[in-house]
Amino acid sequence: MTKPPAPKRHLPTSPFKAPVAPAPKHFAVGDQVTHDMYGLGRVVGIEEGIAAHVDFGSAQMRILSPYNKMTKL
């Protein structure tokens, strides 16, 4: 098994800006969201830092953190 590549570090003397880490996404019960695979939905439950339960109309799904494919509307 191979290890994933180590993230590149920013050198203080570099003329380029340091990469900005994306802010963690936080959702609350009642938030309307969109998911790349499931479409529009509404958050019906939260497991803090673990998952969000989302009702997409036809199904309820448990979306695991870090919620890369889900955005708040």
C-alpha atoms as a PDB file:
ATOM      1  CA  MET A   1       0.000   0.000   0.000  1.00  0.00           C
ATOM      2  CA  THR A   2       1.310   3.412  -0.911  1.00  0.00           C
ATOM      3  CA  LYS A   3       1.055   6.525   1.212  1.00  0.00           C
ATOM      4  CA  PRO A   4      -0.653   9.640  -0.177  1.00  0.00           C
ATOM      5  CA  PRO A   5       1.738  12.443  -1.101  1.00  0.00           C
ATOM      6  CA  ALA A   6       2.577  14.869   1.665  1.00  0.00           C
ATOM      7  CA  PRO A   7       1.015  18.329   1.311  1.00  0.00           C
ATOM      8  CA  LYS A   8       3.360  20.975  -0.033  1.00  0.00           C
ATOM      9  CA  ARG A   9       4.455  23.501   2.539  1.00  0.00           C
ATOM     10  CA  HIS A  10       4.693  27.220   1.903  1.00  0.00           C
ATOM     11  CA  LEU A  11       8.125  28.770   2.197  1.00  0.00           C
ATOM     12  CA  PRO A  12       8.245  32.211   3.858  1.00  0.00           C
ATOM     13  CA  THR A  13      10.595  33.503   1.127  1.00  0.00           C
ATOM     14  CA  SER A  14       8.274  32.447  -1.705  1.00  0.00           C
ATOM     15  CA  PRO A  15       6.947  35.243  -3.933  1.00  0.00           C
ATOM     16  CA  PHE A  16       3.602  33.418  -4.185  1.00  0.00           C
ATOM     17  CA  LYS A  17       0.766  33.715  -1.709  1.00  0.00           C
ATOM     18  CA  ALA A  18       0.264  30.931   0.802  1.00  0.00           C
ATOM     19  CA  PRO A  19      -2.611  28.590  -0.119  1.00  0.00           C
ATOM     20  CA  VAL A  20      -5.809  29.311   1.757  1.00  0.00           C
ATOM     21  CA  ALA A  21      -7.330  26.340   3.552  1.00  0.00           C
ATOM     22  CA  PRO A  22     -11.082  26.054   2.941  1.00  0.00           C
ATOM     23  CA  ALA A  23     -13.214  26.879   5.957  1.00  0.00           C
ATOM     24  CA  PRO A  24     -15.040  23.901   7.446  1.00  0.00           C
ATOM     25  CA  LYS A  25     -18.695  23.775   6.461  1.00  0.00           C
ATOM     26  CA  HIS A  26     -21.306  23.953   9.204  1.00  0.00           C
ATOM     27  CA  PHE A  27     -24.935  23.096   8.702  1.00  0.00           C
ATOM     28  CA  ALA A  28     -27.926  23.516  11.002  1.00  0.00           C
ATOM     29  CA  VAL A  29     -31.269  21.750  11.150  1.00  0.00           C
ATOM     30  CA  GLY A  30     -33.597  23.370   8.640  1.00  0.00           C
ATOM     31  CA  ASP A  31     -30.870  24.556   6.232  1.00  0.00           C
ATOM     32  CA  GLN A  32     -31.686  24.086   2.566  1.00  0.00           C
ATOM     33  CA  VAL A  33     -28.788  22.404   0.754  1.00  0.00           C
ATOM     34  CA  THR A  34     -27.821  21.055  -2.628  1.00  0.00           C
ATOM     35  CA  HIS A  35     -25.764  17.902  -3.169  1.00  0.00           C
ATOM     36  CA  ASP A  36     -23.850  17.037  -6.352  1.00  0.00           C
ATOM     37  CA  MET A  37     -25.431  13.559  -6.520  1.00  0.00           C
ATOM     38  CA  TYR A  38     -28.789  13.816  -4.720  1.00  0.00           C
ATOM     39  CA  GLY A  39     -29.905  17.350  -5.621  1.00  0.00           C
ATOM     40  CA  LEU A  40     -31.933  19.707  -3.398  1.00  0.00           C
ATOM     41  CA  GLY A  41     -32.661  18.791   0.194  1.00  0.00           C
ATOM     42  CA  ARG A  42     -33.238  20.032   3.729  1.00  0.00           C
ATOM     43  CA  VAL A  43     -31.107  19.173   6.785  1.00  0.00           C
ATOM     44  CA  VAL A  44     -33.249  17.248   9.301  1.00  0.00           C
ATOM     45  CA  GLY A  45     -30.546  16.194  11.763  1.00  0.00           C
ATOM     46  CA  ILE A  46     -26.915  16.809  12.707  1.00  0.00           C
ATOM     47  CA  GLU A  47     -24.277  14.544  14.257  1.00  0.00           C
ATOM     48  CA  GLU A  48     -21.809  17.288  15.222  1.00  0.00           C
ATOM     49  CA  GLY A  49     -18.564  16.907  13.270  1.00  0.00           C
ATOM     50  CA  ILE A  50     -19.582  13.474  11.915  1.00  0.00           C
ATOM     51  CA  ALA A  51     -22.570  13.627   9.569  1.00  0.00           C
ATOM     52  CA  ALA A  52     -25.714  15.443   8.501  1.00  0.00           C
ATOM     53  CA  HIS A  53     -29.072  13.752   7.890  1.00  0.00           C
ATOM     54  CA  VAL A  54     -30.672  15.297   4.817  1.00  0.00           C
ATOM     55  CA  ASP A  55     -34.167  14.794   3.392  1.00  0.00           C
ATOM     56  CA  PHE A  56     -33.972  14.884  -0.415  1.00  0.00           C
ATOM     57  CA  GLY A  57     -37.703  14.275  -0.889  1.00  0.00           C
ATOM     58  CA  SER A  58     -37.470  10.759  -2.293  1.00  0.00           C
ATOM     59  CA  ALA A  59     -34.958   9.560   0.327  1.00  0.00           C
ATOM     60  CA  GLN A  60     -33.217  10.572   3.533  1.00  0.00           C
ATOM     61  CA  MET A  61     -29.443  10.277   3.359  1.00  0.00           C
ATOM     62  CA  ARG A  62     -26.676  10.473   5.950  1.00  0.00           C
ATOM     63  CA  ILE A  63     -23.969  12.682   4.430  1.00  0.00           C
ATOM     64  CA  LEU A  64     -20.586  12.283   6.131  1.00  0.00           C
ATOM     65  CA  SER A  65     -18.303  15.181   7.035  1.00  0.00           C
ATOM     66  CA  PRO A  66     -16.373  17.057   5.429  1.00  0.00           C
ATOM     67  CA  TYR A  67     -19.385  17.586   3.117  1.00  0.00           C
ATOM     68  CA  ASN A  68     -17.277  18.107  -0.034  1.00  0.00           C
ATOM     69  CA  LYS A  69     -20.228  17.593  -2.388  1.00  0.00           C
ATOM     70  CA  MET A  70     -22.821  19.538  -0.386  1.00  0.00           C
ATOM     71  CA  THR A  71     -23.357  23.306  -0.212  1.00  0.00           C
ATOM     72  CA  LYS A  72     -25.795  25.519   1.700  1.00  0.00           C
ATOM     73  CA  LEU A  73     -28.250  27.584  -0.331  1.00  0.00           C
END
